[in-house]
Amino acid sequence: MVETVHMTVQISEEDRRRADQLFADLGMTLDEAVAIFLKQCLMRDGLPFRVRRNAPKTTSAQLTYSEIPTETEEPAVVGMDRLSPNETTFSDIDELIQKLGINIESP
């Protein structure tokens, strides 16, 4: 069995409450979510997402079909000014879902 250590993280009470609810909805505890985050950092030898300093604000962004992340890739949401003219873009999530052939039934 792997030896574990105790770790303390200080966050606001509101963030803790919201995080507990989010991860409960995802079927895990906050401790499990933090462990997953740390494992991803170690696997990628860095943070599992882009960190930018003073990134320019964009008023709109689109997800490109060729950049939909796989399990081993990082998520990619790019600003309109960074899209190649050959990229397939979607104006809303419904259009993307239709292109992917996903059938979502309303409750």
PDB file of N, CA and C in Angstrom:
ATOM      1  N   MET A   1       0.836  -1.181   0.000  1.00  0.00           N
ATOM      2  CA  MET A   1       0.000   0.000   0.000  1.00  0.00           C
ATOM      3  C   MET A   1       0.884   1.249   0.000  1.00  0.00           C
ATOM      4  N   VAL A   2       0.476   2.253  -0.755  1.00  0.00           N
ATOM      5  CA  VAL A   2       1.232   3.496  -0.857  1.00  0.00           C
ATOM      6  C   VAL A   2       1.047   4.313   0.414  1.00  0.00           C
ATOM      7  N   GLU A   3       2.156   4.807   0.951  1.00  0.00           N
ATOM      8  CA  GLU A   3       2.085   5.650   2.141  1.00  0.00           C
ATOM      9  C   GLU A   3       1.528   7.015   1.745  1.00  0.00           C
ATOM     10  N   THR A   4       0.610   7.528   2.540  1.00  0.00           N
ATOM     11  CA  THR A   4       0.017   8.835   2.256  1.00  0.00           C
ATOM     12  C   THR A   4       0.415   9.829   3.335  1.00  0.00           C
ATOM     13  N   VAL A   5       0.297  11.103   3.008  1.00  0.00           N
ATOM     14  CA  VAL A   5       0.600  12.173   3.955  1.00  0.00           C
ATOM     15  C   VAL A   5      -0.604  13.098   4.046  1.00  0.00           C
ATOM     16  N   HIS A   6      -0.702  13.785   5.155  1.00  0.00           N
ATOM     17  CA  HIS A   6      -1.777  14.754   5.364  1.00  0.00           C
ATOM     18  C   HIS A   6      -1.336  16.087   4.768  1.00  0.00           C
ATOM     19  N   MET A   7      -2.263  16.790   4.113  1.00  0.00           N
ATOM     20  CA  MET A   7      -1.953  18.068   3.498  1.00  0.00           C
ATOM     21  C   MET A   7      -3.050  19.055   3.862  1.00  0.00           C
ATOM     22  N   THR A   8      -2.693  20.297   4.115  1.00  0.00           N
ATOM     23  CA  THR A   8      -3.667  21.329   4.443  1.00  0.00           C
ATOM     24  C   THR A   8      -3.651  22.394   3.357  1.00  0.00           C
ATOM     25  N   VAL A   9      -4.832  22.769   2.899  1.00  0.00           N
ATOM     26  CA  VAL A   9      -4.987  23.829   1.902  1.00  0.00           C
ATOM     27  C   VAL A   9      -5.969  24.836   2.464  1.00  0.00           C
ATOM     28  N   GLN A  10      -5.630  26.105   2.392  1.00  0.00           N
ATOM     29  CA  GLN A  10      -6.534  27.127   2.906  1.00  0.00           C
ATOM     30  C   GLN A  10      -7.291  27.777   1.752  1.00  0.00           C
ATOM     31  N   ILE A  11      -8.618  27.676   1.821  1.00  0.00           N
ATOM     32  CA  ILE A  11      -9.503  28.316   0.851  1.00  0.00           C
ATOM     33  C   ILE A  11     -10.670  28.908   1.622  1.00  0.00           C
ATOM     34  N   SER A  12     -11.454  29.732   0.953  1.00  0.00           N
ATOM     35  CA  SER A  12     -12.595  30.340   1.635  1.00  0.00           C
ATOM     36  C   SER A  12     -13.654  29.278   1.932  1.00  0.00           C
ATOM     37  N   GLU A  13     -14.460  29.557   2.931  1.00  0.00           N
ATOM     38  CA  GLU A  13     -15.536  28.635   3.300  1.00  0.00           C
ATOM     39  C   GLU A  13     -16.502  28.436   2.130  1.00  0.00           C
ATOM     40  N   GLU A  14     -16.792  29.515   1.403  1.00  0.00           N
ATOM     41  CA  GLU A  14     -17.696  29.439   0.252  1.00  0.00           C
ATOM     42  C   GLU A  14     -17.098  28.571  -0.853  1.00  0.00           C
ATOM     43  N   ASP A  15     -15.819  28.761  -1.156  1.00  0.00           N
ATOM     44  CA  ASP A  15     -15.175  27.927  -2.172  1.00  0.00           C
ATOM     45  C   ASP A  15     -15.184  26.464  -1.753  1.00  0.00           C
ATOM     46  N   ARG A  16     -14.960  26.185  -0.488  1.00  0.00           N
ATOM     47  CA  ARG A  16     -14.978  24.807   0.011  1.00  0.00           C
ATOM     48  C   ARG A  16     -16.359  24.189  -0.171  1.00  0.00           C
ATOM     49  N   ARG A  17     -17.397  24.945   0.194  1.00  0.00           N
ATOM     50  CA  ARG A  17     -18.761  24.445   0.055  1.00  0.00           C
ATOM     51  C   ARG A  17     -19.085  24.157  -1.413  1.00  0.00           C
ATOM     52  N   ARG A  18     -18.740  25.102  -2.286  1.00  0.00           N
ATOM     53  CA  ARG A  18     -19.035  24.929  -3.712  1.00  0.00           C
ATOM     54  C   ARG A  18     -18.231  23.778  -4.316  1.00  0.00           C
ATOM     55  N   ALA A  19     -16.962  23.660  -3.920  1.00  0.00           N
ATOM     56  CA  ALA A  19     -16.126  22.575  -4.431  1.00  0.00           C
ATOM     57  C   ALA A  19     -16.635  21.218  -3.945  1.00  0.00           C
ATOM     58  N   ASP A  20     -17.013  21.135  -2.672  1.00  0.00           N
ATOM     59  CA  ASP A  20     -17.578  19.886  -2.149  1.00  0.00           C
ATOM     60  C   ASP A  20     -18.794  19.466  -2.962  1.00  0.00           C
ATOM     61  N   GLN A  21     -19.669  20.414  -3.264  1.00  0.00           N
ATOM     62  CA  GLN A  21     -20.884  20.106  -4.026  1.00  0.00           C
ATOM     63  C   GLN A  21     -20.543  19.699  -5.460  1.00  0.00           C
ATOM     64  N   LEU A  22     -19.638  20.444  -6.085  1.00  0.00           N
ATOM     65  CA  LEU A  22     -19.238  20.128  -7.455  1.00  0.00           C
ATOM     66  C   LEU A  22     -18.697  18.711  -7.553  1.00  0.00           C
ATOM     67  N   PHE A  23     -17.755  18.376  -6.695  1.00  0.00           N
ATOM     68  CA  PHE A  23     -17.138  17.062  -6.792  1.00  0.00           C
ATOM     69  C   PHE A  23     -18.068  15.952  -6.322  1.00  0.00           C
ATOM     70  N   ALA A  24     -18.976  16.249  -5.402  1.00  0.00           N
ATOM     71  CA  ALA A  24     -19.999  15.260  -5.029  1.00  0.00           C
ATOM     72  C   ALA A  24     -20.870  14.954  -6.242  1.00  0.00           C
ATOM     73  N   ASP A  25     -21.219  15.992  -7.000  1.00  0.00           N
ATOM     74  CA  ASP A  25     -22.009  15.794  -8.220  1.00  0.00           C
ATOM     75  C   ASP A  25     -21.250  14.955  -9.244  1.00  0.00           C
ATOM     76  N   LEU A  26     -19.926  15.024  -9.196  1.00  0.00           N
ATOM     77  CA  LEU A  26     -19.085  14.243 -10.106  1.00  0.00           C
ATOM     78  C   LEU A  26     -18.732  12.871  -9.541  1.00  0.00           C
ATOM     79  N   GLY A  27     -19.235  12.575  -8.340  1.00  0.00           N
ATOM     80  CA  GLY A  27     -19.031  11.258  -7.749  1.00  0.00           C
ATOM     81  C   GLY A  27     -17.705  11.081  -7.034  1.00  0.00           C
ATOM     82  N   MET A  28     -17.134  12.181  -6.549  1.00  0.00           N
ATOM     83  CA  MET A  28     -15.862  12.068  -5.832  1.00  0.00           C
ATOM     84  C   MET A  28     -15.807  13.082  -4.702  1.00  0.00           C
ATOM     85  N   THR A  29     -14.830  12.911  -3.854  1.00  0.00           N
ATOM     86  CA  THR A  29     -14.626  13.857  -2.759  1.00  0.00           C
ATOM     87  C   THR A  29     -13.651  14.941  -3.210  1.00  0.00           C
ATOM     88  N   LEU A  30     -13.585  16.010  -2.428  1.00  0.00           N
ATOM     89  CA  LEU A  30     -12.617  17.065  -2.706  1.00  0.00           C
ATOM     90  C   LEU A  30     -11.196  16.511  -2.598  1.00  0.00           C
ATOM     91  N   ASP A  31     -10.949  15.647  -1.625  1.00  0.00           N
ATOM     92  CA  ASP A  31      -9.625  15.022  -1.491  1.00  0.00           C
ATOM     93  C   ASP A  31      -9.254  14.239  -2.747  1.00  0.00           C
ATOM     94  N   GLU A  32     -10.210  13.483  -3.284  1.00  0.00           N
ATOM     95  CA  GLU A  32      -9.949  12.719  -4.509  1.00  0.00           C
ATOM     96  C   GLU A  32      -9.683  13.648  -5.685  1.00  0.00           C
ATOM     97  N   ALA A  33     -10.437  14.747  -5.779  1.00  0.00           N
ATOM     98  CA  ALA A  33     -10.239  15.707  -6.865  1.00  0.00           C
ATOM     99  C   ALA A  33      -8.851  16.344  -6.788  1.00  0.00           C
ATOM    100  N   VAL A  34      -8.422  16.706  -5.587  1.00  0.00           N
ATOM    101  CA  VAL A  34      -7.085  17.291  -5.411  1.00  0.00           C
ATOM    102  C   VAL A  34      -6.014  16.263  -5.783  1.00  0.00           C
ATOM    103  N   ALA A  35      -6.207  15.020  -5.386  1.00  0.00           N
ATOM    104  CA  ALA A  35      -5.243  13.967  -5.729  1.00  0.00           C
ATOM    105  C   ALA A  35      -5.156  13.786  -7.247  1.00  0.00           C
ATOM    106  N   ILE A  36      -6.299  13.836  -7.932  1.00  0.00           N
ATOM    107  CA  ILE A  36      -6.315  13.729  -9.395  1.00  0.00           C
ATOM    108  C   ILE A  36      -5.566  14.904 -10.009  1.00  0.00           C
ATOM    109  N   PHE A  37      -5.838  16.112  -9.498  1.00  0.00           N
ATOM    110  CA  PHE A  37      -5.146  17.299  -9.995  1.00  0.00           C
ATOM    111  C   PHE A  37      -3.631  17.145  -9.848  1.00  0.00           C
ATOM    112  N   LEU A  38      -3.182  16.718  -8.679  1.00  0.00           N
ATOM    113  CA  LEU A  38      -1.746  16.569  -8.449  1.00  0.00           C
ATOM    114  C   LEU A  38      -1.139  15.491  -9.343  1.00  0.00           C
ATOM    115  N   LYS A  39      -1.846  14.373  -9.543  1.00  0.00           N
ATOM    116  CA  LYS A  39      -1.359  13.314 -10.438  1.00  0.00           C
ATOM    117  C   LYS A  39      -1.208  13.850 -11.857  1.00  0.00           C
ATOM    118  N   GLN A  40      -2.202  14.642 -12.314  1.00  0.00           N
ATOM    119  CA  GLN A  40      -2.123  15.229 -13.652  1.00  0.00           C
ATOM    120  C   GLN A  40      -0.922  16.166 -13.764  1.00  0.00           C
ATOM    121  N   CYS A  41      -0.662  16.956 -12.731  1.00  0.00           N
ATOM    122  CA  CYS A  41       0.513  17.843 -12.730  1.00  0.00           C
ATOM    123  C   CYS A  41       1.794  17.032 -12.878  1.00  0.00           C
ATOM    124  N   LEU A  42       1.879  15.934 -12.148  1.00  0.00           N
ATOM    125  CA  LEU A  42       3.073  15.094 -12.211  1.00  0.00           C
ATOM    126  C   LEU A  42       3.208  14.409 -13.568  1.00  0.00           C
ATOM    127  N   MET A  43       2.095  13.936 -14.124  1.00  0.00           N
ATOM    128  CA  MET A  43       2.126  13.281 -15.432  1.00  0.00           C
ATOM    129  C   MET A  43       2.543  14.243 -16.536  1.00  0.00           C
ATOM    130  N   ARG A  44       2.091  15.494 -16.444  1.00  0.00           N
ATOM    131  CA  ARG A  44       2.377  16.487 -17.484  1.00  0.00           C
ATOM    132  C   ARG A  44       3.632  17.302 -17.190  1.00  0.00           C
ATOM    133  N   ASP A  45       4.209  17.083 -16.017  1.00  0.00           N
ATOM    134  CA  ASP A  45       5.380  17.843 -15.583  1.00  0.00           C
ATOM    135  C   ASP A  45       5.078  19.342 -15.571  1.00  0.00           C
ATOM    136  N   GLY A  46       3.893  19.677 -15.097  1.00  0.00           N
ATOM    137  CA  GLY A  46       3.434  21.062 -15.020  1.00  0.00           C
ATOM    138  C   GLY A  46       1.942  21.080 -14.754  1.00  0.00           C
ATOM    139  N   LEU A  47       1.366  22.249 -14.806  1.00  0.00           N
ATOM    140  CA  LEU A  47      -0.080  22.355 -14.596  1.00  0.00           C
ATOM    141  C   LEU A  47      -0.832  21.726 -15.763  1.00  0.00           C
ATOM    142  N   PRO A  48      -1.990  21.119 -15.515  1.00  0.00           N
ATOM    143  CA  PRO A  48      -2.734  20.460 -16.592  1.00  0.00           C
ATOM    144  C   PRO A  48      -3.605  21.424 -17.395  1.00  0.00           C
ATOM    145  N   PHE A  49      -3.262  22.688 -17.381  1.00  0.00           N
ATOM    146  CA  PHE A  49      -3.964  23.705 -18.166  1.00  0.00           C
ATOM    147  C   PHE A  49      -2.995  24.852 -18.398  1.00  0.00           C
ATOM    148  N   ARG A  50      -3.335  25.702 -19.356  1.00  0.00           N
ATOM    149  CA  ARG A  50      -2.470  26.841 -19.662  1.00  0.00           C
ATOM    150  C   ARG A  50      -2.593  27.903 -18.588  1.00  0.00           C
ATOM    151  N   VAL A  51      -1.482  28.496 -18.255  1.00  0.00           N
ATOM    152  CA  VAL A  51      -1.465  29.629 -17.335  1.00  0.00           C
ATOM    153  C   VAL A  51      -0.855  30.790 -18.103  1.00  0.00           C
ATOM    154  N   ARG A  52      -1.594  31.877 -18.157  1.00  0.00           N
ATOM    155  CA  ARG A  52      -1.121  33.040 -18.898  1.00  0.00           C
ATOM    156  C   ARG A  52      -1.114  34.257 -18.001  1.00  0.00           C
ATOM    157  N   ARG A  53      -0.159  35.088 -18.203  1.00  0.00           N
ATOM    158  CA  ARG A  53      -0.083  36.343 -17.478  1.00  0.00           C
ATOM    159  C   ARG A  53      -0.581  37.460 -18.381  1.00  0.00           C
ATOM    160  N   ASN A  54      -1.502  38.275 -17.865  1.00  0.00           N
ATOM    161  CA  ASN A  54      -2.042  39.400 -18.617  1.00  0.00           C
ATOM    162  C   ASN A  54      -2.559  38.994 -19.990  1.00  0.00           C
ATOM    163  N   ALA A  55      -3.266  37.871 -20.049  1.00  0.00           N
ATOM    164  CA  ALA A  55      -3.833  37.415 -21.312  1.00  0.00           C
ATOM    165  C   ALA A  55      -4.861  38.427 -21.794  1.00  0.00           C
ATOM    166  N   PRO A  56      -4.858  38.739 -23.084  1.00  0.00           N
ATOM    167  CA  PRO A  56      -5.848  39.691 -23.588  1.00  0.00           C
ATOM    168  C   PRO A  56      -7.254  39.131 -23.431  1.00  0.00           C
ATOM    169  N   LYS A  57      -8.169  39.988 -23.054  1.00  0.00           N
ATOM    170  CA  LYS A  57      -9.561  39.564 -22.886  1.00  0.00           C
ATOM    171  C   LYS A  57     -10.216  39.481 -24.259  1.00  0.00           C
ATOM    172  N   THR A  58     -10.981  38.422 -24.475  1.00  0.00           N
ATOM    173  CA  THR A  58     -11.732  38.301 -25.716  1.00  0.00           C
ATOM    174  C   THR A  58     -13.202  38.353 -25.374  1.00  0.00           C
ATOM    175  N   THR A  59     -13.969  38.920 -26.274  1.00  0.00           N
ATOM    176  CA  THR A  59     -15.401  39.022 -26.020  1.00  0.00           C
ATOM    177  C   THR A  59     -16.134  37.776 -26.476  1.00  0.00           C
ATOM    178  N   SER A  60     -15.527  37.008 -27.363  1.00  0.00           N
ATOM    179  CA  SER A  60     -16.164  35.765 -27.789  1.00  0.00           C
ATOM    180  C   SER A  60     -15.082  34.731 -28.063  1.00  0.00           C
ATOM    181  N   ALA A  61     -15.446  33.499 -27.866  1.00  0.00           N
ATOM    182  CA  ALA A  61     -14.515  32.407 -28.136  1.00  0.00           C
ATOM    183  C   ALA A  61     -15.306  31.255 -28.718  1.00  0.00           C
ATOM    184  N   GLN A  62     -14.655  30.470 -29.517  1.00  0.00           N
ATOM    185  CA  GLN A  62     -15.306  29.306 -30.089  1.00  0.00           C
ATOM    186  C   GLN A  62     -14.387  28.106 -29.921  1.00  0.00           C
ATOM    187  N   LEU A  63     -14.986  26.965 -29.769  1.00  0.00           N
ATOM    188  CA  LEU A  63     -14.244  25.720 -29.690  1.00  0.00           C
ATOM    189  C   LEU A  63     -14.107  25.187 -31.105  1.00  0.00           C
ATOM    190  N   THR A  64     -12.907  24.873 -31.525  1.00  0.00           N
ATOM    191  CA  THR A  64     -12.722  24.350 -32.869  1.00  0.00           C
ATOM    192  C   THR A  64     -12.811  22.834 -32.833  1.00  0.00           C
ATOM    193  N   TYR A  65     -13.422  22.261 -33.854  1.00  0.00           N
ATOM    194  CA  TYR A  65     -13.643  20.821 -33.906  1.00  0.00           C
ATOM    195  C   TYR A  65     -12.326  20.064 -33.846  1.00  0.00           C
ATOM    196  N   SER A  66     -11.293  20.561 -34.515  1.00  0.00           N
ATOM    197  CA  SER A  66     -10.011  19.855 -34.515  1.00  0.00           C
ATOM    198  C   SER A  66      -9.296  19.969 -33.181  1.00  0.00           C
ATOM    199  N   GLU A  67      -9.747  20.870 -32.301  1.00  0.00           N
ATOM    200  CA  GLU A  67      -9.075  21.057 -31.030  1.00  0.00           C
ATOM    201  C   GLU A  67      -9.884  20.554 -29.842  1.00  0.00           C
ATOM    202  N   ILE A  68     -10.919  19.754 -30.082  1.00  0.00           N
ATOM    203  CA  ILE A  68     -11.667  19.164 -28.982  1.00  0.00           C
ATOM    204  C   ILE A  68     -10.721  18.214 -28.258  1.00  0.00           C
ATOM    205  N   PRO A  69     -10.530  18.406 -26.946  1.00  0.00           N
ATOM    206  CA  PRO A  69      -9.510  17.630 -26.244  1.00  0.00           C
ATOM    207  C   PRO A  69      -9.856  16.151 -26.135  1.00  0.00           C
ATOM    208  N   THR A  70      -8.822  15.327 -26.227  1.00  0.00           N
ATOM    209  CA  THR A  70      -8.986  13.910 -25.934  1.00  0.00           C
ATOM    210  C   THR A  70      -8.602  13.716 -24.477  1.00  0.00           C
ATOM    211  N   GLU A  71      -8.611  12.486 -24.008  1.00  0.00           N
ATOM    212  CA  GLU A  71      -8.286  12.226 -22.607  1.00  0.00           C
ATOM    213  C   GLU A  71      -6.862  12.647 -22.261  1.00  0.00           C
ATOM    214  N   THR A  72      -5.960  12.631 -23.249  1.00  0.00           N
ATOM    215  CA  THR A  72      -4.566  12.949 -22.956  1.00  0.00           C
ATOM    216  C   THR A  72      -4.166  14.353 -23.384  1.00  0.00           C
ATOM    217  N   GLU A  73      -5.080  15.090 -23.979  1.00  0.00           N
ATOM    218  CA  GLU A  73      -4.767  16.441 -24.428  1.00  0.00           C
ATOM    219  C   GLU A  73      -5.400  17.465 -23.510  1.00  0.00           C
ATOM    220  N   GLU A  74      -4.855  18.663 -23.537  1.00  0.00           N
ATOM    221  CA  GLU A  74      -5.424  19.716 -22.716  1.00  0.00           C
ATOM    222  C   GLU A  74      -6.588  20.371 -23.450  1.00  0.00           C
ATOM    223  N   PRO A  75      -7.554  20.905 -22.711  1.00  0.00           N
ATOM    224  CA  PRO A  75      -8.668  21.597 -23.344  1.00  0.00           C
ATOM    225  C   PRO A  75      -8.159  22.784 -24.151  1.00  0.00           C
ATOM    226  N   ALA A  76      -8.857  23.098 -25.238  1.00  0.00           N
ATOM    227  CA  ALA A  76      -8.432  24.211 -26.081  1.00  0.00           C
ATOM    228  C   ALA A  76      -9.625  25.072 -26.455  1.00  0.00           C
ATOM    229  N   VAL A  77      -9.691  26.227 -25.903  1.00  0.00           N
ATOM    230  CA  VAL A  77     -10.675  27.219 -26.306  1.00  0.00           C
ATOM    231  C   VAL A  77      -9.854  28.388 -26.799  1.00  0.00           C
ATOM    232  N   VAL A  78     -10.067  28.755 -28.044  1.00  0.00           N
ATOM    233  CA  VAL A  78      -9.244  29.806 -28.620  1.00  0.00           C
ATOM    234  C   VAL A  78     -10.101  30.982 -29.022  1.00  0.00           C
ATOM    235  N   GLY A  79      -9.524  32.164 -28.994  1.00  0.00           N
ATOM    236  CA  GLY A  79     -10.228  33.370 -29.403  1.00  0.00           C
ATOM    237  C   GLY A  79     -10.413  33.387 -30.906  1.00  0.00           C
ATOM    238  N   MET A  80     -11.407  34.115 -31.354  1.00  0.00           N
ATOM    239  CA  MET A  80     -11.713  34.195 -32.782  1.00  0.00           C
ATOM    240  C   MET A  80     -10.509  34.668 -33.593  1.00  0.00           C
ATOM    241  N   ASP A  81      -9.720  35.574 -33.034  1.00  0.00           N
ATOM    242  CA  ASP A  81      -8.581  36.118 -33.763  1.00  0.00           C
ATOM    243  C   ASP A  81      -7.473  35.094 -33.981  1.00  0.00           C
ATOM    244  N   ARG A  82      -7.535  33.970 -33.292  1.00  0.00           N
ATOM    245  CA  ARG A  82      -6.490  32.952 -33.410  1.00  0.00           C
ATOM    246  C   ARG A  82      -6.920  31.762 -34.251  1.00  0.00           C
ATOM    247  N   LEU A  83      -8.106  31.793 -34.842  1.00  0.00           N
ATOM    248  CA  LEU A  83      -8.591  30.662 -35.620  1.00  0.00           C
ATOM    249  C   LEU A  83      -8.002  30.667 -37.022  1.00  0.00           C
ATOM    250  N   SER A  84      -7.660  29.502 -37.498  1.00  0.00           N
ATOM    251  CA  SER A  84      -7.243  29.345 -38.880  1.00  0.00           C
ATOM    252  C   SER A  84      -8.489  29.410 -39.754  1.00  0.00           C
ATOM    253  N   PRO A  85      -8.382  29.934 -40.966  1.00  0.00           N
ATOM    254  CA  PRO A  85      -9.558  29.979 -41.845  1.00  0.00           C
ATOM    255  C   PRO A  85     -10.088  28.590 -42.193  1.00  0.00           C
ATOM    256  N   ASN A  86      -9.269  27.552 -42.020  1.00  0.00           N
ATOM    257  CA  ASN A  86      -9.687  26.190 -42.362  1.00  0.00           C
ATOM    258  C   ASN A  86     -10.319  25.434 -41.202  1.00  0.00           C
ATOM    259  N   GLU A  87     -10.412  26.050 -40.031  1.00  0.00           N
ATOM    260  CA  GLU A  87     -10.977  25.389 -38.858  1.00  0.00           C
ATOM    261  C   GLU A  87     -12.496  25.339 -38.946  1.00  0.00           C
ATOM    262  N   THR A  88     -13.068  24.233 -38.472  1.00  0.00           N
ATOM    263  CA  THR A  88     -14.512  24.145 -38.330  1.00  0.00           C
ATOM    264  C   THR A  88     -14.871  24.767 -36.993  1.00  0.00           C
ATOM    265  N   THR A  89     -15.791  25.720 -37.006  1.00  0.00           N
ATOM    266  CA  THR A  89     -16.194  26.384 -35.771  1.00  0.00           C
ATOM    267  C   THR A  89     -17.684  26.182 -35.535  1.00  0.00           C
ATOM    268  N   PHE A  90     -18.092  26.423 -34.316  1.00  0.00           N
ATOM    269  CA  PHE A  90     -19.480  26.238 -33.919  1.00  0.00           C
ATOM    270  C   PHE A  90     -19.950  27.473 -33.177  1.00  0.00           C
ATOM    271  N   SER A  91     -21.161  27.904 -33.486  1.00  0.00           N
ATOM    272  CA  SER A  91     -21.682  29.115 -32.849  1.00  0.00           C
ATOM    273  C   SER A  91     -22.293  28.828 -31.491  1.00  0.00           C
ATOM    274  N   ASP A  92     -22.644  27.568 -31.233  1.00  0.00           N
ATOM    275  CA  ASP A  92     -23.184  27.212 -29.926  1.00  0.00           C
ATOM    276  C   ASP A  92     -22.979  25.724 -29.672  1.00  0.00           C
ATOM    277  N   ILE A  93     -23.258  25.312 -28.460  1.00  0.00           N
ATOM    278  CA  ILE A  93     -23.025  23.924 -28.057  1.00  0.00           C
ATOM    279  C   ILE A  93     -23.919  22.946 -28.821  1.00  0.00           C
ATOM    280  N   ASP A  94     -25.136  23.375 -29.156  1.00  0.00           N
ATOM    281  CA  ASP A  94     -26.044  22.492 -29.896  1.00  0.00           C
ATOM    282  C   ASP A  94     -25.473  22.129 -31.264  1.00  0.00           C
ATOM    283  N   GLU A  95     -24.866  23.102 -31.925  1.00  0.00           N
ATOM    284  CA  GLU A  95     -24.257  22.853 -33.228  1.00  0.00           C
ATOM    285  C   GLU A  95     -23.091  21.868 -33.105  1.00  0.00           C
ATOM    286  N   LEU A  96     -22.286  22.016 -32.064  1.00  0.00           N
ATOM    287  CA  LEU A  96     -21.174  21.099 -31.816  1.00  0.00           C
ATOM    288  C   LEU A  96     -21.683  19.690 -31.541  1.00  0.00           C
ATOM    289  N   ILE A  97     -22.693  19.572 -30.690  1.00  0.00           N
ATOM    290  CA  ILE A  97     -23.264  18.264 -30.345  1.00  0.00           C
ATOM    291  C   ILE A  97     -23.811  17.575 -31.587  1.00  0.00           C
ATOM    292  N   GLN A  98     -24.484  18.342 -32.447  1.00  0.00           N
ATOM    293  CA  GLN A  98     -25.023  17.777 -33.684  1.00  0.00           C
ATOM    294  C   GLN A  98     -23.884  17.276 -34.578  1.00  0.00           C
ATOM    295  N   LYS A  99     -22.812  18.058 -34.712  1.00  0.00           N
ATOM    296  CA  LYS A  99     -21.675  17.670 -35.544  1.00  0.00           C
ATOM    297  C   LYS A  99     -21.019  16.390 -35.017  1.00  0.00           C
ATOM    298  N   LEU A 100     -20.969  16.244 -33.696  1.00  0.00           N
ATOM    299  CA  LEU A 100     -20.369  15.056 -33.098  1.00  0.00           C
ATOM    300  C   LEU A 100     -21.288  13.839 -33.160  1.00  0.00           C
ATOM    301  N   GLY A 101     -22.547  14.059 -33.540  1.00  0.00           N
ATOM    302  CA  GLY A 101     -23.495  12.960 -33.635  1.00  0.00           C
ATOM    303  C   GLY A 101     -23.970  12.441 -32.299  1.00  0.00           C
ATOM    304  N   ILE A 102     -23.973  13.316 -31.299  1.00  0.00           N
ATOM    305  CA  ILE A 102     -24.409  12.927 -29.961  1.00  0.00           C
ATOM    306  C   ILE A 102     -25.906  13.156 -29.848  1.00  0.00           C
ATOM    307  N   ASN A 103     -26.625  12.156 -29.362  1.00  0.00           N
ATOM    308  CA  ASN A 103     -28.069  12.274 -29.179  1.00  0.00           C
ATOM    309  C   ASN A 103     -28.360  12.537 -27.711  1.00  0.00           C
ATOM    310  N   ILE A 104     -28.828  13.736 -27.422  1.00  0.00           N
ATOM    311  CA  ILE A 104     -29.168  14.102 -26.049  1.00  0.00           C
ATOM    312  C   ILE A 104     -30.671  14.297 -25.979  1.00  0.00           C
ATOM    313  N   GLU A 105     -31.302  13.479 -25.166  1.00  0.00           N
ATOM    314  CA  GLU A 105     -32.748  13.581 -25.009  1.00  0.00           C
ATOM    315  C   GLU A 105     -33.081  14.476 -23.839  1.00  0.00           C
ATOM    316  N   SER A 106     -34.072  15.331 -24.024  1.00  0.00           N
ATOM    317  CA  SER A 106     -34.522  16.207 -22.939  1.00  0.00           C
ATOM    318  C   SER A 106     -35.269  15.387 -21.906  1.00  0.00           C
ATOM    319  N   PRO A 107     -35.153  15.787 -20.609  1.00  0.00           N
ATOM    320  CA  PRO A 107     -35.845  15.033 -19.555  1.00  0.00           C
ATOM    321  C   PRO A 107     -37.345  15.150 -19.664  1.00  0.00           C
TER     322      PRO A 107
END
